[in-house]
């Protein structure tokens, strides 16, 4: 099942809005948790959200 890019963006927005600079660590924890439980769809989403947050923070730091 494909992950909706809009869902990834919304999830990244939500984490950043709620956790600010610690959103990256929260996203890492979510990916680790999904990996440990073997929930592959959740892992796919978590890794995409993690990547999106990393991308945004990198872009922000380059301003």
Protein backbone atom coordinates (compact mmCIF):
# COMPACT_ATOMS: atom_id res chain seq x y z
CA UNK A 1 0.00 0.00 0.00
CA UNK A 2 1.39 3.40 -1.01
CA UNK A 3 1.78 6.16 1.53
CA UNK A 4 -0.01 9.40 0.68
CA UNK A 5 2.51 12.27 0.44
CA UNK A 6 -0.09 14.63 1.91
CA UNK A 7 -0.38 12.37 4.96
CA UNK A 8 3.40 12.47 5.36
CA UNK A 9 3.41 16.27 5.16
CA UNK A 10 0.52 16.57 7.64
CA UNK A 11 2.19 14.18 10.08
CA UNK A 12 5.48 16.09 9.83
CA UNK A 13 3.62 19.38 10.35
CA UNK A 14 1.85 17.99 13.40
CA UNK A 15 5.07 16.75 15.00
CA UNK A 16 6.91 20.00 14.30
CA UNK A 17 3.99 22.09 15.60
CA UNK A 18 3.71 20.02 18.76
CA UNK A 19 7.37 19.22 19.54
CA UNK A 20 9.34 21.97 17.79
CA UNK A 21 13.04 21.16 17.55
CA UNK A 22 12.58 17.81 19.29
CA UNK A 23 10.24 16.61 16.53
CA UNK A 24 13.15 14.84 14.85
CA UNK A 25 13.84 12.75 17.95
CA UNK A 26 10.15 11.96 18.38
CA UNK A 27 9.98 10.84 14.74
CA UNK A 28 13.04 8.62 15.29
CA UNK A 29 11.40 7.04 18.30
CA UNK A 30 8.23 6.37 16.32
CA UNK A 31 10.24 4.68 13.56
CA UNK A 32 12.15 2.57 16.08
CA UNK A 33 8.92 1.51 17.79
CA UNK A 34 7.32 0.51 14.47
CA UNK A 35 10.46 -1.43 13.54
CA UNK A 36 10.52 -3.31 16.84
CA UNK A 37 6.88 -4.29 16.54
CA UNK A 38 7.27 -5.36 12.91
CA UNK A 39 4.49 -3.05 11.76
CA UNK A 40 5.74 -2.48 8.22
CA UNK A 41 3.05 0.00 7.07
CA UNK A 42 3.61 2.10 10.20
CA UNK A 43 7.37 1.84 9.70
CA UNK A 44 7.07 3.04 6.10
CA UNK A 45 5.05 6.06 7.22
CA UNK A 46 7.34 6.78 10.18
CA UNK A 47 10.46 6.69 8.01
CA UNK A 48 8.89 9.00 5.44
CA UNK A 49 7.86 11.44 8.17
CA UNK A 50 11.35 11.26 9.67
CA UNK A 51 12.88 12.01 6.27
CA UNK A 52 10.49 14.92 5.73
CA UNK A 53 11.35 16.46 9.10
CA UNK A 54 15.07 16.02 8.40
CA UNK A 55 14.61 17.67 5.00
CA UNK A 56 12.75 20.61 6.49
CA UNK A 57 15.23 21.15 9.30
CA UNK A 58 18.15 21.00 6.86
CA UNK A 59 16.45 23.51 4.56
CA UNK A 60 15.70 25.75 7.53
CA UNK A 61 19.29 25.67 8.75
CA UNK A 62 20.53 26.65 5.26
CA UNK A 63 18.54 29.91 5.25
